[in-house]
């Protein structure tokens, strides 16, 4: 089962759309989902580890897959 991590920020205007997308896909597809605020210690660790320069950033199975808000079909293809 893939693990999806969305790195976001409270001040990010695109982040709510990314969050809504991944949460909606949880009802259709099996994957673990976690949201991490970049302004927290864990968020800073992920940003350093993955060289994250912007939010929202989607990490799947410990690999940066997408920066921004993917279209639904793009997100679905990322899960397979």
Protein backbone atom coordinates (compact mmCIF):
# COMPACT_ATOMS: atom_id res chain seq x y z
CA UNK A 1 0.00 0.00 0.00
CA UNK A 2 1.52 3.35 -1.00
CA UNK A 3 2.13 6.04 1.61
CA UNK A 4 1.24 9.55 0.48
CA UNK A 5 2.61 12.51 2.42
CA UNK A 6 1.40 16.00 1.57
CA UNK A 7 3.77 18.71 2.74
CA UNK A 8 1.75 21.90 3.14
CA UNK A 9 1.62 25.23 4.97
CA UNK A 10 -1.13 27.27 6.60
CA UNK A 11 -0.17 30.29 4.47
CA UNK A 12 -0.29 28.32 1.19
CA UNK A 13 -3.32 29.18 -0.92
CA UNK A 14 -3.07 26.03 -3.11
CA UNK A 15 -2.61 23.58 -0.23
CA UNK A 16 -6.31 23.19 0.67
CA UNK A 17 -7.05 22.01 -2.89
CA UNK A 18 -4.24 19.43 -2.72
CA UNK A 19 -5.46 18.24 0.67
CA UNK A 20 -9.05 17.95 -0.56
CA UNK A 21 -7.91 15.95 -3.61
CA UNK A 22 -5.90 13.38 -1.65
CA UNK A 23 -8.60 13.02 1.02
CA UNK A 24 -11.26 12.45 -1.65
CA UNK A 25 -9.13 9.75 -3.30
CA UNK A 26 -8.89 7.85 -0.01
CA UNK A 27 -12.51 6.77 -0.38
CA UNK A 28 -11.74 5.21 -3.79
CA UNK A 29 -8.18 3.90 -3.44
CA UNK A 30 -6.16 2.21 -0.71
CA UNK A 31 -3.21 4.22 0.54
CA UNK A 32 -1.86 5.65 3.76
CA UNK A 33 -2.19 9.43 3.96
CA UNK A 34 -0.42 11.97 6.11
CA UNK A 35 -0.25 15.76 6.05
CA UNK A 36 2.83 17.52 7.38
CA UNK A 37 3.07 21.29 7.87
CA UNK A 38 6.39 22.52 6.50
CA UNK A 39 6.62 24.98 9.40
CA UNK A 40 6.93 22.15 11.95
CA UNK A 41 10.05 20.24 12.96
CA UNK A 42 8.93 17.19 10.96
CA UNK A 43 8.15 19.41 7.98
CA UNK A 44 11.60 20.98 8.12
CA UNK A 45 13.18 17.52 8.29
CA UNK A 46 11.26 16.43 5.18
CA UNK A 47 12.11 19.68 3.40
CA UNK A 48 15.81 19.15 4.07
CA UNK A 49 15.78 15.47 3.19
CA UNK A 50 13.91 15.97 -0.09
CA UNK A 51 15.14 19.49 -1.01
CA UNK A 52 11.56 20.79 -0.95
CA UNK A 53 11.43 24.37 -2.20
CA UNK A 54 7.67 24.89 -2.41
CA UNK A 55 4.32 23.68 -1.15
CA UNK A 56 2.15 21.76 -1.68
CA UNK A 57 4.55 18.90 -2.33
CA UNK A 58 3.39 15.30 -2.64
CA UNK A 59 5.73 12.55 -1.48
CA UNK A 60 4.85 8.94 -2.25
CA UNK A 61 6.84 6.17 -0.60
CA UNK A 62 9.60 8.58 0.42
CA UNK A 63 10.04 10.08 -3.08
CA UNK A 64 8.93 13.56 -4.18
CA UNK A 65 6.38 12.94 -6.91
CA UNK A 66 4.66 16.28 -7.49
CA UNK A 67 4.89 19.95 -6.55
CA UNK A 68 1.59 21.80 -6.81
CA UNK A 69 -1.91 20.42 -7.13
CA UNK A 70 -2.18 17.48 -9.53
CA UNK A 71 -5.26 16.78 -11.60
CA UNK A 72 -7.27 13.83 -10.30
CA UNK A 73 -6.17 11.48 -13.10
CA UNK A 74 -2.52 12.42 -12.50
CA UNK A 75 -2.90 11.69 -8.79
CA UNK A 76 -4.51 8.32 -9.49
CA UNK A 77 -1.67 7.34 -11.82
CA UNK A 78 0.84 8.30 -9.10
CA UNK A 79 -0.72 5.69 -6.81
CA UNK A 80 -0.06 2.78 -9.16
